[in-house]
Amino acid sequence: MHCVDIFPSAFGPFSFVEPEPIMSKAQFSTKERILDAAETLFAQYGFGGTSLRQVTSQADVNIAAVNYHFGSKENLVNEVFRRRMDEMSAQRLSRLQEAVKAEGGGDLDAILAAFVEPPLAMAQDHHGGGAFIRVIARAYAEKNDGLRRFLSEQYGHVLREFAKAISACMPGLSKEELYWRLDFLAGALTYAMADFGIIKRPHGVSETEHRQRAAQELIRFASAGFKAGKIN
């Protein structure tokens, strides 16, 4: 199960991280160019198939700049994910908090919307959103223990918060059943983000409208799945 592998249930230790020094405009531009180049190349060639030389060439920087900003290729991979997932996770948790407060913790569809809609909105982002979706697909396909550990430590709490909220709505589900269904939801969401399905955007329908319809259908589908009875 992908969710269990990437997001284990145990909380990691708390540690204080010193704030990064404020970067100049030139430094920020260099760092962003490296991240943009890495994201594009990881999407196209995978993590193992992309060399730092390719990244520096595409970003038009030298290897010293990569070492200065990221220290290693492994950390560069992690930072490509952090750049997108920090904002998406914050949006998910904010939406989840609103859903739980508004409905007293009992509206499953609102909780699922908080889980589904921010990633679909990110997938629509024309500033690299499509490339990052392919990077996510690479993460599922390639065995990268360092990345799995990073995602678990940084974002495992997000899944646990959703699991807790869904469990409150569906107290009859066992923990195993809950995580099976969350795993299927995460897989279906990744597929919807990639827009690989047989349902293509109809002529005259905007991309935003198409994504909204995808979110609505996925939420209805997932809601029915979580409400399904136990397997005898």
C-alpha atoms as a PDB file:
ATOM      1  CA  MET A   1       0.000   0.000   0.000  1.00  0.00           C
ATOM      2  CA  HIS A   2       1.548   3.273  -1.101  1.00  0.00           C
ATOM      3  CA  CYS A   3       0.128   5.381   1.714  1.00  0.00           C
ATOM      4  CA  VAL A   4       1.438   3.063   4.404  1.00  0.00           C
ATOM      5  CA  ASP A   5       4.915   2.950   2.815  1.00  0.00           C
ATOM      6  CA  ILE A   6       5.212   6.689   2.264  1.00  0.00           C
ATOM      7  CA  PHE A   7       3.254   7.925   5.284  1.00  0.00           C
ATOM      8  CA  PRO A   8       3.803   5.626   8.297  1.00  0.00           C
ATOM      9  CA  SER A   9       1.619   6.200  11.320  1.00  0.00           C
ATOM     10  CA  ALA A  10       4.354   6.958  13.847  1.00  0.00           C
ATOM     11  CA  PHE A  11       5.186  10.611  14.448  1.00  0.00           C
ATOM     12  CA  GLY A  12       8.795  11.566  13.867  1.00  0.00           C
ATOM     13  CA  PRO A  13      10.856  13.428  16.495  1.00  0.00           C
ATOM     14  CA  PHE A  14      10.443  17.193  16.728  1.00  0.00           C
ATOM     15  CA  SER A  15      13.511  19.227  15.864  1.00  0.00           C
ATOM     16  CA  PHE A  16      14.150  22.947  15.625  1.00  0.00           C
ATOM     17  CA  VAL A  17      15.338  24.086  12.218  1.00  0.00           C
ATOM     18  CA  GLU A  18      17.101  27.403  11.998  1.00  0.00           C
ATOM     19  CA  PRO A  19      15.546  29.775   9.452  1.00  0.00           C
ATOM     20  CA  GLU A  20      17.400  30.068   6.167  1.00  0.00           C
ATOM     21  CA  PRO A  21      19.178  33.370   5.565  1.00  0.00           C
ATOM     22  CA  ILE A  22      17.316  35.831   3.352  1.00  0.00           C
ATOM     23  CA  MET A  23      18.459  35.397  -0.247  1.00  0.00           C
ATOM     24  CA  SER A  24      19.174  38.195  -2.656  1.00  0.00           C
ATOM     25  CA  LYS A  25      17.091  38.468  -5.830  1.00  0.00           C
ATOM     26  CA  ALA A  26      19.929  36.939  -7.853  1.00  0.00           C
ATOM     27  CA  GLN A  27      20.294  34.010  -5.446  1.00  0.00           C
ATOM     28  CA  PHE A  28      16.532  33.425  -5.470  1.00  0.00           C
ATOM     29  CA  SER A  29      16.517  33.454  -9.268  1.00  0.00           C
ATOM     30  CA  THR A  30      19.378  30.949  -9.410  1.00  0.00           C
ATOM     31  CA  LYS A  31      17.732  28.610  -6.914  1.00  0.00           C
ATOM     32  CA  GLU A  32      14.402  28.749  -8.756  1.00  0.00           C
ATOM     33  CA  ARG A  33      16.092  28.087 -12.110  1.00  0.00           C
ATOM     34  CA  ILE A  34      17.767  25.012 -10.671  1.00  0.00           C
ATOM     35  CA  LEU A  35      14.480  23.753  -9.207  1.00  0.00           C
ATOM     36  CA  ASP A  36      12.627  24.399 -12.482  1.00  0.00           C
ATOM     37  CA  ALA A  37      15.278  22.560 -14.472  1.00  0.00           C
ATOM     38  CA  ALA A  38      15.410  19.638 -12.047  1.00  0.00           C
ATOM     39  CA  GLU A  39      11.618  19.305 -11.999  1.00  0.00           C
ATOM     40  CA  THR A  40      11.445  19.226 -15.797  1.00  0.00           C
ATOM     41  CA  LEU A  41      14.287  16.710 -16.116  1.00  0.00           C
ATOM     42  CA  PHE A  42      13.053  14.455 -13.292  1.00  0.00           C
ATOM     43  CA  ALA A  43       9.650  14.381 -15.000  1.00  0.00           C
ATOM     44  CA  GLN A  44      11.220  13.398 -18.308  1.00  0.00           C
ATOM     45  CA  TYR A  45      14.042  11.063 -17.280  1.00  0.00           C
ATOM     46  CA  GLY A  46      13.332  10.077 -13.678  1.00  0.00           C
ATOM     47  CA  PHE A  47      15.514  10.626 -10.636  1.00  0.00           C
ATOM     48  CA  GLY A  48      18.107   8.005 -11.466  1.00  0.00           C
ATOM     49  CA  GLY A  49      18.186   8.979 -15.134  1.00  0.00           C
ATOM     50  CA  THR A  50      18.934  12.647 -14.492  1.00  0.00           C
ATOM     51  CA  SER A  51      22.472  13.806 -13.767  1.00  0.00           C
ATOM     52  CA  LEU A  52      23.502  17.005 -12.026  1.00  0.00           C
ATOM     53  CA  ARG A  53      25.364  17.913 -15.218  1.00  0.00           C
ATOM     54  CA  GLN A  54      22.037  17.875 -17.091  1.00  0.00           C
ATOM     55  CA  VAL A  55      20.469  20.058 -14.396  1.00  0.00           C
ATOM     56  CA  THR A  56      23.288  22.612 -14.470  1.00  0.00           C
ATOM     57  CA  SER A  57      23.219  22.721 -18.254  1.00  0.00           C
ATOM     58  CA  GLN A  58      19.465  23.325 -18.430  1.00  0.00           C
ATOM     59  CA  ALA A  59      19.511  25.873 -15.590  1.00  0.00           C
ATOM     60  CA  ASP A  60      22.605  27.582 -17.049  1.00  0.00           C
ATOM     61  CA  VAL A  61      24.492  27.447 -13.751  1.00  0.00           C
ATOM     62  CA  ASN A  62      27.645  25.714 -12.576  1.00  0.00           C
ATOM     63  CA  ILE A  63      27.860  22.740 -10.228  1.00  0.00           C
ATOM     64  CA  ALA A  64      29.019  25.031  -7.414  1.00  0.00           C
ATOM     65  CA  ALA A  65      25.623  26.762  -7.468  1.00  0.00           C
ATOM     66  CA  VAL A  66      23.827  23.428  -7.031  1.00  0.00           C
ATOM     67  CA  ASN A  67      26.129  22.483  -4.165  1.00  0.00           C
ATOM     68  CA  TYR A  68      25.653  25.905  -2.538  1.00  0.00           C
ATOM     69  CA  HIS A  69      21.854  25.834  -2.629  1.00  0.00           C
ATOM     70  CA  PHE A  70      21.171  22.105  -2.182  1.00  0.00           C
ATOM     71  CA  GLY A  71      24.310  20.272  -1.120  1.00  0.00           C
ATOM     72  CA  SER A  72      23.495  17.021  -2.896  1.00  0.00           C
ATOM     73  CA  LYS A  73      21.311  15.501  -5.586  1.00  0.00           C
ATOM     74  CA  GLU A  74      19.201  13.760  -2.931  1.00  0.00           C
ATOM     75  CA  ASN A  75      18.431  17.072  -1.272  1.00  0.00           C
ATOM     76  CA  LEU A  76      17.666  18.628  -4.657  1.00  0.00           C
ATOM     77  CA  VAL A  77      15.044  15.903  -5.233  1.00  0.00           C
ATOM     78  CA  ASN A  78      13.563  16.611  -1.814  1.00  0.00           C
ATOM     79  CA  GLU A  79      13.424  20.359  -2.432  1.00  0.00           C
ATOM     80  CA  VAL A  80      11.610  19.867  -5.754  1.00  0.00           C
ATOM     81  CA  PHE A  81       8.868  18.174  -3.739  1.00  0.00           C
ATOM     82  CA  ARG A  82       8.988  20.662  -0.864  1.00  0.00           C
ATOM     83  CA  ARG A  83       8.469  23.629  -3.175  1.00  0.00           C
ATOM     84  CA  ARG A  84       5.088  22.283  -4.323  1.00  0.00           C
ATOM     85  CA  MET A  85       3.941  20.207  -1.390  1.00  0.00           C
ATOM     86  CA  ASP A  86       4.410  22.742   1.411  1.00  0.00           C
ATOM     87  CA  GLU A  87       1.773  25.019  -0.089  1.00  0.00           C
ATOM     88  CA  MET A  88      -0.534  22.180  -1.114  1.00  0.00           C
ATOM     89  CA  SER A  89      -0.357  20.589   2.357  1.00  0.00           C
ATOM     90  CA  ALA A  90      -1.083  23.913   4.041  1.00  0.00           C
ATOM     91  CA  GLN A  91      -4.133  24.384   1.813  1.00  0.00           C
ATOM     92  CA  ARG A  92      -5.353  20.866   2.564  1.00  0.00           C
ATOM     93  CA  LEU A  93      -5.032  21.294   6.313  1.00  0.00           C
ATOM     94  CA  SER A  94      -6.686  24.729   6.253  1.00  0.00           C
ATOM     95  CA  ARG A  95      -9.611  23.337   4.249  1.00  0.00           C
ATOM     96  CA  LEU A  96      -9.822  20.333   6.564  1.00  0.00           C
ATOM     97  CA  GLN A  97      -9.967  22.553   9.638  1.00  0.00           C
ATOM     98  CA  GLU A  98     -12.767  24.584   8.053  1.00  0.00           C
ATOM     99  CA  ALA A  99     -14.696  21.414   7.138  1.00  0.00           C
ATOM    100  CA  VAL A 100     -14.418  19.928  10.613  1.00  0.00           C
ATOM    101  CA  LYS A 101     -15.453  23.161  12.332  1.00  0.00           C
ATOM    102  CA  ALA A 102     -18.308  23.926   9.943  1.00  0.00           C
ATOM    103  CA  GLU A 103     -19.937  20.521  10.159  1.00  0.00           C
ATOM    104  CA  GLY A 104     -18.929  19.460  13.637  1.00  0.00           C
ATOM    105  CA  GLY A 105     -16.546  16.907  12.143  1.00  0.00           C
ATOM    106  CA  GLY A 106     -19.327  14.936  10.486  1.00  0.00           C
ATOM    107  CA  ASP A 107     -19.442  15.889   6.777  1.00  0.00           C
ATOM    108  CA  LEU A 108     -17.437  13.301   4.861  1.00  0.00           C
ATOM    109  CA  ASP A 109     -17.802  15.000   1.472  1.00  0.00           C
ATOM    110  CA  ALA A 110     -16.371  18.296   2.800  1.00  0.00           C
ATOM    111  CA  ILE A 111     -13.403  16.430   4.267  1.00  0.00           C
ATOM    112  CA  LEU A 112     -12.806  14.615   0.977  1.00  0.00           C
ATOM    113  CA  ALA A 113     -13.058  17.917  -0.912  1.00  0.00           C
ATOM    114  CA  ALA A 114     -10.295  19.311   1.304  1.00  0.00           C
ATOM    115  CA  PHE A 115      -8.139  16.323   0.356  1.00  0.00           C
ATOM    116  CA  VAL A 116      -8.924  16.272  -3.372  1.00  0.00           C
ATOM    117  CA  GLU A 117      -9.345  19.854  -4.568  1.00  0.00           C
ATOM    118  CA  PRO A 118      -5.962  21.468  -3.678  1.00  0.00           C
ATOM    119  CA  PRO A 119      -3.920  18.838  -5.593  1.00  0.00           C
ATOM    120  CA  LEU A 120      -6.204  19.107  -8.621  1.00  0.00           C
ATOM    121  CA  ALA A 121      -5.793  22.885  -8.545  1.00  0.00           C
ATOM    122  CA  MET A 122      -2.024  22.449  -8.408  1.00  0.00           C
ATOM    123  CA  ALA A 123      -2.161  20.118 -11.411  1.00  0.00           C
ATOM    124  CA  GLN A 124      -3.809  22.914 -13.367  1.00  0.00           C
ATOM    125  CA  ASP A 125      -1.019  25.375 -12.520  1.00  0.00           C
ATOM    126  CA  HIS A 126       0.637  26.337 -15.808  1.00  0.00           C
ATOM    127  CA  HIS A 127       3.875  27.249 -14.020  1.00  0.00           C
ATOM    128  CA  GLY A 128       5.210  23.712 -13.762  1.00  0.00           C
ATOM    129  CA  GLY A 129       2.180  21.952 -12.313  1.00  0.00           C
ATOM    130  CA  GLY A 130       2.039  19.428 -15.142  1.00  0.00           C
ATOM    131  CA  ALA A 131       5.733  18.588 -14.807  1.00  0.00           C
ATOM    132  CA  PHE A 132       5.367  18.057 -11.072  1.00  0.00           C
ATOM    133  CA  ILE A 133       2.514  15.606 -11.631  1.00  0.00           C
ATOM    134  CA  ARG A 134       4.864  13.538 -13.781  1.00  0.00           C
ATOM    135  CA  VAL A 135       7.472  13.787 -11.027  1.00  0.00           C
ATOM    136  CA  ILE A 136       4.905  12.353  -8.588  1.00  0.00           C
ATOM    137  CA  ALA A 137       4.292   9.484 -11.020  1.00  0.00           C
ATOM    138  CA  ARG A 138       8.053   8.873 -11.067  1.00  0.00           C
ATOM    139  CA  ALA A 139       8.070   8.746  -7.271  1.00  0.00           C
ATOM    140  CA  TYR A 140       5.460   5.970  -7.366  1.00  0.00           C
ATOM    141  CA  ALA A 141       7.311   4.058 -10.089  1.00  0.00           C
ATOM    142  CA  GLU A 142      10.895   4.338  -8.828  1.00  0.00           C
ATOM    143  CA  LYS A 143      12.136   2.864  -5.569  1.00  0.00           C
ATOM    144  CA  ASN A 144      13.706   5.802  -3.759  1.00  0.00           C
ATOM    145  CA  ASP A 145      13.965   5.121  -0.047  1.00  0.00           C
ATOM    146  CA  GLY A 146      15.425   8.548   0.700  1.00  0.00           C
ATOM    147  CA  LEU A 147      12.502  10.316  -0.945  1.00  0.00           C
ATOM    148  CA  ARG A 148       9.953   8.069   0.760  1.00  0.00           C
ATOM    149  CA  ARG A 149      11.557   8.832   4.107  1.00  0.00           C
ATOM    150  CA  PHE A 150      11.546  12.574   3.387  1.00  0.00           C
ATOM    151  CA  LEU A 151       7.869  12.558   2.361  1.00  0.00           C
ATOM    152  CA  SER A 152       6.955  10.533   5.412  1.00  0.00           C
ATOM    153  CA  GLU A 153       8.772  12.845   7.808  1.00  0.00           C
ATOM    154  CA  GLN A 154       7.570  16.083   6.217  1.00  0.00           C
ATOM    155  CA  TYR A 155       4.008  15.270   5.151  1.00  0.00           C
ATOM    156  CA  GLY A 156       2.919  12.136   6.988  1.00  0.00           C
ATOM    157  CA  HIS A 157       1.036  14.272   9.503  1.00  0.00           C
ATOM    158  CA  VAL A 158      -1.252  15.521   6.721  1.00  0.00           C
ATOM    159  CA  LEU A 159      -2.546  12.056   5.918  1.00  0.00           C
ATOM    160  CA  ARG A 160      -2.920  11.256   9.604  1.00  0.00           C
ATOM    161  CA  GLU A 161      -5.100  14.333  10.121  1.00  0.00           C
ATOM    162  CA  PHE A 162      -7.356  13.280   7.265  1.00  0.00           C
ATOM    163  CA  ALA A 163      -7.462   9.709   8.539  1.00  0.00           C
ATOM    164  CA  LYS A 164      -8.516  10.987  11.967  1.00  0.00           C
ATOM    165  CA  ALA A 165     -11.250  13.194  10.476  1.00  0.00           C
ATOM    166  CA  ILE A 166     -12.607  10.447   8.223  1.00  0.00           C
ATOM    167  CA  SER A 167     -12.512   7.962  11.086  1.00  0.00           C
ATOM    168  CA  ALA A 168     -14.661  10.325  13.159  1.00  0.00           C
ATOM    169  CA  CYS A 169     -17.229  10.329  10.338  1.00  0.00           C
ATOM    170  CA  MET A 170     -17.034   6.571   9.817  1.00  0.00           C
ATOM    171  CA  PRO A 171     -16.474   5.043  13.274  1.00  0.00           C
ATOM    172  CA  GLY A 172     -17.435   1.595  12.014  1.00  0.00           C
ATOM    173  CA  LEU A 173     -14.342   1.350   9.804  1.00  0.00           C
ATOM    174  CA  SER A 174     -11.343  -0.438  11.217  1.00  0.00           C
ATOM    175  CA  LYS A 175      -7.933   1.240  10.880  1.00  0.00           C
ATOM    176  CA  GLU A 176      -6.953  -1.295   8.213  1.00  0.00           C
ATOM    177  CA  GLU A 177     -10.111  -0.647   6.183  1.00  0.00           C
ATOM    178  CA  LEU A 178      -9.638   3.091   6.538  1.00  0.00           C
ATOM    179  CA  TYR A 179      -6.082   3.003   5.182  1.00  0.00           C
ATOM    180  CA  TRP A 180      -6.991   0.634   2.339  1.00  0.00           C
ATOM    181  CA  ARG A 181      -9.614   3.110   1.191  1.00  0.00           C
ATOM    182  CA  LEU A 182      -7.348   6.113   1.691  1.00  0.00           C
ATOM    183  CA  ASP A 183      -4.724   4.341  -0.400  1.00  0.00           C
ATOM    184  CA  PHE A 184      -7.209   3.793  -3.225  1.00  0.00           C
ATOM    185  CA  LEU A 185      -8.302   7.428  -2.998  1.00  0.00           C
ATOM    186  CA  ALA A 186      -4.691   8.633  -3.221  1.00  0.00           C
ATOM    187  CA  GLY A 187      -4.124   6.455  -6.288  1.00  0.00           C
ATOM    188  CA  ALA A 188      -7.293   7.646  -7.998  1.00  0.00           C
ATOM    189  CA  LEU A 189      -6.393  11.252  -7.189  1.00  0.00           C
ATOM    190  CA  THR A 190      -2.937  10.864  -8.728  1.00  0.00           C
ATOM    191  CA  TYR A 191      -4.537   9.413 -11.855  1.00  0.00           C
ATOM    192  CA  ALA A 192      -7.017  12.290 -12.038  1.00  0.00           C
ATOM    193  CA  MET A 193      -4.231  14.832 -11.575  1.00  0.00           C
ATOM    194  CA  ALA A 194      -2.337  13.315 -14.495  1.00  0.00           C
ATOM    195  CA  ASP A 195      -5.471  13.523 -16.671  1.00  0.00           C
ATOM    196  CA  PHE A 196      -4.735  10.115 -18.195  1.00  0.00           C
ATOM    197  CA  GLY A 197      -8.341   8.911 -18.053  1.00  0.00           C
ATOM    198  CA  ILE A 198     -10.718   8.013 -20.850  1.00  0.00           C
ATOM    199  CA  ILE A 199     -12.825  11.102 -20.061  1.00  0.00           C
ATOM    200  CA  LYS A 200     -11.245  13.905 -22.046  1.00  0.00           C
ATOM    201  CA  ARG A 201     -12.074  17.564 -21.715  1.00  0.00           C
ATOM    202  CA  PRO A 202     -15.034  18.244 -24.032  1.00  0.00           C
ATOM    203  CA  HIS A 203     -14.833  20.965 -26.634  1.00  0.00           C
ATOM    204  CA  GLY A 204     -15.987  24.277 -25.198  1.00  0.00           C
ATOM    205  CA  VAL A 205     -15.327  23.268 -21.589  1.00  0.00           C
ATOM    206  CA  SER A 206     -12.521  25.156 -19.851  1.00  0.00           C
ATOM    207  CA  GLU A 207      -9.730  23.349 -18.045  1.00  0.00           C
ATOM    208  CA  THR A 208     -10.964  24.789 -14.750  1.00  0.00           C
ATOM    209  CA  GLU A 209     -14.485  23.468 -15.356  1.00  0.00           C
ATOM    210  CA  HIS A 210     -13.093  20.075 -16.354  1.00  0.00           C
ATOM    211  CA  ARG A 211     -11.005  19.853 -13.166  1.00  0.00           C
ATOM    212  CA  GLN A 212     -13.986  20.888 -11.049  1.00  0.00           C
ATOM    213  CA  ARG A 213     -16.076  18.127 -12.602  1.00  0.00           C
ATOM    214  CA  ALA A 214     -13.277  15.647 -11.969  1.00  0.00           C
ATOM    215  CA  ALA A 215     -13.157  16.714  -8.313  1.00  0.00           C
ATOM    216  CA  GLN A 216     -16.918  16.375  -7.916  1.00  0.00           C
ATOM    217  CA  GLU A 217     -17.002  12.899  -9.447  1.00  0.00           C
ATOM    218  CA  LEU A 218     -13.993  11.709  -7.453  1.00  0.00           C
ATOM    219  CA  ILE A 219     -15.475  12.984  -4.191  1.00  0.00           C
ATOM    220  CA  ARG A 220     -18.781  11.197  -4.870  1.00  0.00           C
ATOM    221  CA  PHE A 221     -16.921   8.009  -5.794  1.00  0.00           C
ATOM    222  CA  ALA A 222     -14.662   8.140  -2.723  1.00  0.00           C
ATOM    223  CA  SER A 223     -17.541   8.976  -0.403  1.00  0.00           C
ATOM    224  CA  ALA A 224     -19.431   5.892  -1.559  1.00  0.00           C
ATOM    225  CA  GLY A 225     -16.292   3.810  -1.070  1.00  0.00           C
ATOM    226  CA  PHE A 226     -15.751   4.945   2.499  1.00  0.00           C
ATOM    227  CA  LYS A 227     -19.425   4.345   3.293  1.00  0.00           C
ATOM    228  CA  ALA A 228     -19.426   0.826   1.820  1.00  0.00           C
ATOM    229  CA  GLY A 229     -20.003  -1.980   4.287  1.00  0.00           C
ATOM    230  CA  LYS A 230     -17.428  -4.386   5.628  1.00  0.00           C
ATOM    231  CA  ILE A 231     -16.244  -7.309   3.517  1.00  0.00           C
ATOM    232  CA  ASN A 232     -17.737 -10.501   4.897  1.00  0.00           C
END
